[in-house]
Amino acid sequence: MWTNAYSYEDIGEFLREARRERGITQVEMAKKLGFSSVTLSALETGKNVSAVKVDRYLQQLGFRMVIVPKGADVKVTE
């Protein structure tokens, strides 16, 4: 599973869907990450949350972020 994310909303939606696919509730995930439920909700809806928290969430779900220039011709393999 991977995505192109062009906004904080895209990242939040990706994380929410990945969490749901694993059968983890927001409350459970917030507890695993040491976040409040409000912070987790803000992250999943694209609100202003620190990059450190986004990265921690990605890592908890087994993902990493790769940043490339716009228009780059990149091939992603899983």
PDB file of N, CA and C in Angstrom:
ATOM      1  N   MET A   1       0.854  -1.178   0.000  1.00  0.00           N
ATOM      2  CA  MET A   1       0.000   0.000   0.000  1.00  0.00           C
ATOM      3  C   MET A   1       0.894   1.233   0.000  1.00  0.00           C
ATOM      4  N   TRP A   2       0.619   2.164  -0.905  1.00  0.00           N
ATOM      5  CA  TRP A   2       1.347   3.422  -0.943  1.00  0.00           C
ATOM      6  C   TRP A   2       0.446   4.481  -1.560  1.00  0.00           C
ATOM      7  N   THR A   3       0.869   5.729  -1.483  1.00  0.00           N
ATOM      8  CA  THR A   3       0.055   6.814  -2.018  1.00  0.00           C
ATOM      9  C   THR A   3       0.928   7.988  -2.443  1.00  0.00           C
ATOM     10  N   ASN A   4       0.393   8.791  -3.318  1.00  0.00           N
ATOM     11  CA  ASN A   4       0.928  10.120  -3.578  1.00  0.00           C
ATOM     12  C   ASN A   4       0.099  11.066  -2.730  1.00  0.00           C
ATOM     13  N   ALA A   5       0.747  11.863  -1.930  1.00  0.00           N
ATOM     14  CA  ALA A   5       0.034  12.815  -1.086  1.00  0.00           C
ATOM     15  C   ALA A   5       0.450  14.225  -1.486  1.00  0.00           C
ATOM     16  N   TYR A   6      -0.535  15.034  -1.819  1.00  0.00           N
ATOM     17  CA  TYR A   6      -0.271  16.398  -2.264  1.00  0.00           C
ATOM     18  C   TYR A   6      -0.693  17.434  -1.227  1.00  0.00           C
ATOM     19  N   SER A   7      -1.223  16.961  -0.106  1.00  0.00           N
ATOM     20  CA  SER A   7      -1.668  17.879   0.936  1.00  0.00           C
ATOM     21  C   SER A   7      -1.698  17.137   2.272  1.00  0.00           C
ATOM     22  N   TYR A   8      -1.836  17.905   3.345  1.00  0.00           N
ATOM     23  CA  TYR A   8      -1.982  17.294   4.661  1.00  0.00           C
ATOM     24  C   TYR A   8      -3.255  16.462   4.735  1.00  0.00           C
ATOM     25  N   GLU A   9      -4.277  16.897   4.003  1.00  0.00           N
ATOM     26  CA  GLU A   9      -5.530  16.132   3.965  1.00  0.00           C
ATOM     27  C   GLU A   9      -5.298  14.768   3.338  1.00  0.00           C
ATOM     28  N   ASP A  10      -4.500  14.714   2.266  1.00  0.00           N
ATOM     29  CA  ASP A  10      -4.181  13.433   1.617  1.00  0.00           C
ATOM     30  C   ASP A  10      -3.436  12.499   2.568  1.00  0.00           C
ATOM     31  N   ILE A  11      -2.469  13.053   3.296  1.00  0.00           N
ATOM     32  CA  ILE A  11      -1.710  12.239   4.249  1.00  0.00           C
ATOM     33  C   ILE A  11      -2.633  11.711   5.341  1.00  0.00           C
ATOM     34  N   GLY A  12      -3.478  12.586   5.866  1.00  0.00           N
ATOM     35  CA  GLY A  12      -4.408  12.175   6.918  1.00  0.00           C
ATOM     36  C   GLY A  12      -5.357  11.085   6.457  1.00  0.00           C
ATOM     37  N   GLU A  13      -5.876  11.235   5.251  1.00  0.00           N
ATOM     38  CA  GLU A  13      -6.793  10.226   4.709  1.00  0.00           C
ATOM     39  C   GLU A  13      -6.073   8.888   4.543  1.00  0.00           C
ATOM     40  N   PHE A  14      -4.845   8.919   4.041  1.00  0.00           N
ATOM     41  CA  PHE A  14      -4.060   7.701   3.880  1.00  0.00           C
ATOM     42  C   PHE A  14      -3.845   7.004   5.222  1.00  0.00           C
ATOM     43  N   LEU A  15      -3.450   7.775   6.226  1.00  0.00           N
ATOM     44  CA  LEU A  15      -3.211   7.195   7.549  1.00  0.00           C
ATOM     45  C   LEU A  15      -4.487   6.627   8.158  1.00  0.00           C
ATOM     46  N   ARG A  16      -5.591   7.358   8.022  1.00  0.00           N
ATOM     47  CA  ARG A  16      -6.877   6.884   8.553  1.00  0.00           C
ATOM     48  C   ARG A  16      -7.262   5.557   7.908  1.00  0.00           C
ATOM     49  N   GLU A  17      -7.150   5.466   6.588  1.00  0.00           N
ATOM     50  CA  GLU A  17      -7.514   4.239   5.885  1.00  0.00           C
ATOM     51  C   GLU A  17      -6.590   3.080   6.265  1.00  0.00           C
ATOM     52  N   ALA A  18      -5.298   3.351   6.388  1.00  0.00           N
ATOM     53  CA  ALA A  18      -4.346   2.303   6.780  1.00  0.00           C
ATOM     54  C   ALA A  18      -4.652   1.805   8.191  1.00  0.00           C
ATOM     55  N   ARG A  19      -5.004   2.719   9.087  1.00  0.00           N
ATOM     56  CA  ARG A  19      -5.361   2.341  10.462  1.00  0.00           C
ATOM     57  C   ARG A  19      -6.618   1.477  10.459  1.00  0.00           C
ATOM     58  N   ARG A  20      -7.622   1.905   9.725  1.00  0.00           N
ATOM     59  CA  ARG A  20      -8.888   1.161   9.661  1.00  0.00           C
ATOM     60  C   ARG A  20      -8.701  -0.227   9.063  1.00  0.00           C
ATOM     61  N   GLU A  21      -7.863  -0.325   8.018  1.00  0.00           N
ATOM     62  CA  GLU A  21      -7.599  -1.631   7.408  1.00  0.00           C
ATOM     63  C   GLU A  21      -6.995  -2.611   8.409  1.00  0.00           C
ATOM     64  N   ARG A  22      -6.288  -2.080   9.386  1.00  0.00           N
ATOM     65  CA  ARG A  22      -5.675  -2.918  10.412  1.00  0.00           C
ATOM     66  C   ARG A  22      -6.624  -3.175  11.581  1.00  0.00           C
ATOM     67  N   GLY A  23      -7.815  -2.596  11.522  1.00  0.00           N
ATOM     68  CA  GLY A  23      -8.804  -2.804  12.579  1.00  0.00           C
ATOM     69  C   GLY A  23      -8.472  -2.099  13.883  1.00  0.00           C
ATOM     70  N   ILE A  24      -7.753  -0.991  13.790  1.00  0.00           N
ATOM     71  CA  ILE A  24      -7.350  -0.234  14.981  1.00  0.00           C
ATOM     72  C   ILE A  24      -8.237   1.001  15.103  1.00  0.00           C
ATOM     73  N   THR A  25      -8.793   1.238  16.275  1.00  0.00           N
ATOM     74  CA  THR A  25      -9.620   2.419  16.492  1.00  0.00           C
ATOM     75  C   THR A  25      -8.733   3.640  16.705  1.00  0.00           C
ATOM     76  N   GLN A  26      -9.332   4.820  16.592  1.00  0.00           N
ATOM     77  CA  GLN A  26      -8.584   6.056  16.859  1.00  0.00           C
ATOM     78  C   GLN A  26      -8.064   6.070  18.285  1.00  0.00           C
ATOM     79  N   VAL A  27      -8.874   5.638  19.212  1.00  0.00           N
ATOM     80  CA  VAL A  27      -8.475   5.639  20.621  1.00  0.00           C
ATOM     81  C   VAL A  27      -7.277   4.716  20.828  1.00  0.00           C
ATOM     82  N   GLU A  28      -7.322   3.520  20.229  1.00  0.00           N
ATOM     83  CA  GLU A  28      -6.210   2.581  20.356  1.00  0.00           C
ATOM     84  C   GLU A  28      -4.925   3.143  19.739  1.00  0.00           C
ATOM     85  N   MET A  29      -5.053   3.747  18.555  1.00  0.00           N
ATOM     86  CA  MET A  29      -3.879   4.284  17.888  1.00  0.00           C
ATOM     87  C   MET A  29      -3.304   5.458  18.663  1.00  0.00           C
ATOM     88  N   ALA A  30      -4.160   6.329  19.146  1.00  0.00           N
ATOM     89  CA  ALA A  30      -3.690   7.473  19.932  1.00  0.00           C
ATOM     90  C   ALA A  30      -2.894   6.980  21.146  1.00  0.00           C
ATOM     91  N   LYS A  31      -3.397   5.942  21.792  1.00  0.00           N
ATOM     92  CA  LYS A  31      -2.714   5.396  22.964  1.00  0.00           C
ATOM     93  C   LYS A  31      -1.349   4.818  22.572  1.00  0.00           C
ATOM     94  N   LYS A  32      -1.281   4.070  21.464  1.00  0.00           N
ATOM     95  CA  LYS A  32      -0.010   3.504  20.996  1.00  0.00           C
ATOM     96  C   LYS A  32       1.022   4.590  20.709  1.00  0.00           C
ATOM     97  N   LEU A  33       0.553   5.699  20.157  1.00  0.00           N
ATOM     98  CA  LEU A  33       1.444   6.784  19.760  1.00  0.00           C
ATOM     99  C   LEU A  33       1.750   7.768  20.883  1.00  0.00           C
ATOM    100  N   GLY A  34       0.955   7.727  21.948  1.00  0.00           N
ATOM    101  CA  GLY A  34       1.116   8.698  23.024  1.00  0.00           C
ATOM    102  C   GLY A  34       0.534  10.053  22.666  1.00  0.00           C
ATOM    103  N   PHE A  35      -0.441  10.054  21.752  1.00  0.00           N
ATOM    104  CA  PHE A  35      -1.131  11.281  21.336  1.00  0.00           C
ATOM    105  C   PHE A  35      -2.482  11.335  22.039  1.00  0.00           C
ATOM    106  N   SER A  36      -3.052  12.521  22.117  1.00  0.00           N
ATOM    107  CA  SER A  36      -4.448  12.617  22.548  1.00  0.00           C
ATOM    108  C   SER A  36      -5.319  12.225  21.355  1.00  0.00           C
ATOM    109  N   SER A  37      -6.543  11.841  21.630  1.00  0.00           N
ATOM    110  CA  SER A  37      -7.483  11.524  20.542  1.00  0.00           C
ATOM    111  C   SER A  37      -7.743  12.742  19.675  1.00  0.00           C
ATOM    112  N   VAL A  38      -7.715  13.924  20.271  1.00  0.00           N
ATOM    113  CA  VAL A  38      -7.919  15.169  19.526  1.00  0.00           C
ATOM    114  C   VAL A  38      -6.778  15.371  18.526  1.00  0.00           C
ATOM    115  N   THR A  39      -5.544  15.120  18.957  1.00  0.00           N
ATOM    116  CA  THR A  39      -4.393  15.259  18.065  1.00  0.00           C
ATOM    117  C   THR A  39      -4.471  14.256  16.922  1.00  0.00           C
ATOM    118  N   LEU A  40      -4.818  13.013  17.235  1.00  0.00           N
ATOM    119  CA  LEU A  40      -4.922  11.999  16.189  1.00  0.00           C
ATOM    120  C   LEU A  40      -6.011  12.371  15.191  1.00  0.00           C
ATOM    121  N   SER A  41      -7.136  12.837  15.676  1.00  0.00           N
ATOM    122  CA  SER A  41      -8.222  13.259  14.795  1.00  0.00           C
ATOM    123  C   SER A  41      -7.774  14.421  13.906  1.00  0.00           C
ATOM    124  N   ALA A  42      -7.068  15.372  14.492  1.00  0.00           N
ATOM    125  CA  ALA A  42      -6.562  16.516  13.723  1.00  0.00           C
ATOM    126  C   ALA A  42      -5.621  16.046  12.622  1.00  0.00           C
ATOM    127  N   LEU A  43      -4.746  15.119  12.942  1.00  0.00           N
ATOM    128  CA  LEU A  43      -3.810  14.589  11.961  1.00  0.00           C
ATOM    129  C   LEU A  43      -4.565  13.913  10.817  1.00  0.00           C
ATOM    130  N   GLU A  44      -5.558  13.099  11.149  1.00  0.00           N
ATOM    131  CA  GLU A  44      -6.301  12.349  10.139  1.00  0.00           C
ATOM    132  C   GLU A  44      -7.217  13.222   9.287  1.00  0.00           C
ATOM    133  N   THR A  45      -7.486  14.433   9.727  1.00  0.00           N
ATOM    134  CA  THR A  45      -8.330  15.328   8.933  1.00  0.00           C
ATOM    135  C   THR A  45      -7.538  16.463   8.290  1.00  0.00           C
ATOM    136  N   GLY A  46      -6.204  16.352   8.330  1.00  0.00           N
ATOM    137  CA  GLY A  46      -5.361  17.296   7.613  1.00  0.00           C
ATOM    138  C   GLY A  46      -5.107  18.608   8.308  1.00  0.00           C
ATOM    139  N   LYS A  47      -5.322  18.656   9.602  1.00  0.00           N
ATOM    140  CA  LYS A  47      -5.040  19.887  10.352  1.00  0.00           C
ATOM    141  C   LYS A  47      -3.542  20.026  10.589  1.00  0.00           C
ATOM    142  N   ASN A  48      -3.131  21.169  11.076  1.00  0.00           N
ATOM    143  CA  ASN A  48      -1.723  21.465  11.313  1.00  0.00           C
ATOM    144  C   ASN A  48      -1.199  20.654  12.499  1.00  0.00           C
ATOM    145  N   VAL A  49      -0.408  19.624  12.190  1.00  0.00           N
ATOM    146  CA  VAL A  49       0.202  18.763  13.204  1.00  0.00           C
ATOM    147  C   VAL A  49       1.679  18.652  12.859  1.00  0.00           C
ATOM    148  N   SER A  50       2.530  18.547  13.840  1.00  0.00           N
ATOM    149  CA  SER A  50       3.979  18.533  13.580  1.00  0.00           C
ATOM    150  C   SER A  50       4.393  17.355  12.696  1.00  0.00           C
ATOM    151  N   ALA A  51       5.437  17.580  11.926  1.00  0.00           N
ATOM    152  CA  ALA A  51       5.987  16.531  11.053  1.00  0.00           C
ATOM    153  C   ALA A  51       6.483  15.356  11.879  1.00  0.00           C
ATOM    154  N   VAL A  52       6.944  15.608  13.074  1.00  0.00           N
ATOM    155  CA  VAL A  52       7.413  14.539  13.958  1.00  0.00           C
ATOM    156  C   VAL A  52       6.264  13.582  14.275  1.00  0.00           C
ATOM    157  N   LYS A  53       5.086  14.129  14.518  1.00  0.00           N
ATOM    158  CA  LYS A  53       3.930  13.287  14.822  1.00  0.00           C
ATOM    159  C   LYS A  53       3.473  12.517  13.591  1.00  0.00           C
ATOM    160  N   VAL A  54       3.501  13.156  12.430  1.00  0.00           N
ATOM    161  CA  VAL A  54       3.151  12.463  11.187  1.00  0.00           C
ATOM    162  C   VAL A  54       4.116  11.303  10.977  1.00  0.00           C
ATOM    163  N   ASP A  55       5.403  11.556  11.152  1.00  0.00           N
ATOM    164  CA  ASP A  55       6.411  10.519  10.971  1.00  0.00           C
ATOM    165  C   ASP A  55       6.223   9.378  11.971  1.00  0.00           C
ATOM    166  N   ARG A  56       5.939   9.695  13.201  1.00  0.00           N
ATOM    167  CA  ARG A  56       5.724   8.659  14.226  1.00  0.00           C
ATOM    168  C   ARG A  56       4.540   7.770  13.844  1.00  0.00           C
ATOM    169  N   TYR A  57       3.468   8.391  13.345  1.00  0.00           N
ATOM    170  CA  TYR A  57       2.276   7.644  12.928  1.00  0.00           C
ATOM    171  C   TYR A  57       2.624   6.740  11.742  1.00  0.00           C
ATOM    172  N   LEU A  58       3.310   7.288  10.746  1.00  0.00           N
ATOM    173  CA  LEU A  58       3.723   6.486   9.586  1.00  0.00           C
ATOM    174  C   LEU A  58       4.544   5.277  10.027  1.00  0.00           C
ATOM    175  N   GLN A  59       5.511   5.502  10.890  1.00  0.00           N
ATOM    176  CA  GLN A  59       6.366   4.406  11.354  1.00  0.00           C
ATOM    177  C   GLN A  59       5.571   3.353  12.121  1.00  0.00           C
ATOM    178  N   GLN A  60       4.626   3.792  12.933  1.00  0.00           N
ATOM    179  CA  GLN A  60       3.807   2.849  13.707  1.00  0.00           C
ATOM    180  C   GLN A  60       3.047   1.902  12.778  1.00  0.00           C
ATOM    181  N   LEU A  61       2.647   2.412  11.614  1.00  0.00           N
ATOM    182  CA  LEU A  61       1.913   1.599  10.649  1.00  0.00           C
ATOM    183  C   LEU A  61       2.840   0.877   9.662  1.00  0.00           C
ATOM    184  N   GLY A  62       4.146   1.087   9.803  1.00  0.00           N
ATOM    185  CA  GLY A  62       5.096   0.399   8.943  1.00  0.00           C
ATOM    186  C   GLY A  62       5.380   1.095   7.624  1.00  0.00           C
ATOM    187  N   PHE A  63       5.202   2.406   7.581  1.00  0.00           N
ATOM    188  CA  PHE A  63       5.451   3.183   6.371  1.00  0.00           C
ATOM    189  C   PHE A  63       6.627   4.121   6.566  1.00  0.00           C
ATOM    190  N   ARG A  64       7.117   4.652   5.464  1.00  0.00           N
ATOM    191  CA  ARG A  64       8.107   5.722   5.496  1.00  0.00           C
ATOM    192  C   ARG A  64       7.706   6.755   4.456  1.00  0.00           C
ATOM    193  N   MET A  65       8.126   7.975   4.672  1.00  0.00           N
ATOM    194  CA  MET A  65       7.801   9.056   3.747  1.00  0.00           C
ATOM    195  C   MET A  65       8.992   9.279   2.813  1.00  0.00           C
ATOM    196  N   VAL A  66       8.696   9.408   1.537  1.00  0.00           N
ATOM    197  CA  VAL A  66       9.711   9.711   0.538  1.00  0.00           C
ATOM    198  C   VAL A  66       9.255  10.981  -0.165  1.00  0.00           C
ATOM    199  N   ILE A  67      10.124  11.967  -0.214  1.00  0.00           N
ATOM    200  CA  ILE A  67       9.782  13.244  -0.827  1.00  0.00           C
ATOM    201  C   ILE A  67      10.584  13.396  -2.108  1.00  0.00           C
ATOM    202  N   VAL A  68       9.878  13.680  -3.193  1.00  0.00           N
ATOM    203  CA  VAL A  68      10.532  13.848  -4.495  1.00  0.00           C
ATOM    204  C   VAL A  68      10.049  15.150  -5.129  1.00  0.00           C
ATOM    205  N   PRO A  69      10.826  15.693  -6.045  1.00  0.00           N
ATOM    206  CA  PRO A  69      10.409  16.926  -6.713  1.00  0.00           C
ATOM    207  C   PRO A  69       9.129  16.718  -7.528  1.00  0.00           C
ATOM    208  N   LYS A  70       8.343  17.769  -7.640  1.00  0.00           N
ATOM    209  CA  LYS A  70       7.153  17.721  -8.497  1.00  0.00           C
ATOM    210  C   LYS A  70       7.577  17.320  -9.896  1.00  0.00           C
ATOM    211  N   GLY A  71       6.785  16.502 -10.511  1.00  0.00           N
ATOM    212  CA  GLY A  71       7.057  16.096 -11.879  1.00  0.00           C
ATOM    213  C   GLY A  71       8.141  15.048 -12.030  1.00  0.00           C
ATOM    214  N   ALA A  72       8.691  14.587 -10.912  1.00  0.00           N
ATOM    215  CA  ALA A  72       9.740  13.568 -10.977  1.00  0.00           C
ATOM    216  C   ALA A  72       9.143  12.265 -11.508  1.00  0.00           C
ATOM    217  N   ASP A  73       9.903  11.560 -12.297  1.00  0.00           N
ATOM    218  CA  ASP A  73       9.488  10.269 -12.822  1.00  0.00           C
ATOM    219  C   ASP A  73      10.047   9.207 -11.890  1.00  0.00           C
ATOM    220  N   VAL A  74       9.228   8.779 -10.950  1.00  0.00           N
ATOM    221  CA  VAL A  74       9.672   7.872  -9.903  1.00  0.00           C
ATOM    222  C   VAL A  74       8.900   6.572 -10.000  1.00  0.00           C
ATOM    223  N   LYS A  75       9.609   5.469  -9.851  1.00  0.00           N
ATOM    224  CA  LYS A  75       8.975   4.159  -9.823  1.00  0.00           C
ATOM    225  C   LYS A  75       9.032   3.646  -8.396  1.00  0.00           C
ATOM    226  N   VAL A  76       7.878   3.256  -7.862  1.00  0.00           N
ATOM    227  CA  VAL A  76       7.806   2.731  -6.505  1.00  0.00           C
ATOM    228  C   VAL A  76       7.516   1.249  -6.590  1.00  0.00           C
ATOM    229  N   THR A  77       8.322   0.463  -5.892  1.00  0.00           N
ATOM    230  CA  THR A  77       8.061  -0.971  -5.815  1.00  0.00           C
ATOM    231  C   THR A  77       7.884  -1.336  -4.351  1.00  0.00           C
ATOM    232  N   GLU A  78       7.013  -2.285  -4.128  1.00  0.00           N
ATOM    233  CA  GLU A  78       6.765  -2.697  -2.745  1.00  0.00           C
ATOM    234  C   GLU A  78       7.387  -4.040  -2.489  1.00  0.00           C
TER     235      GLU A  78
END
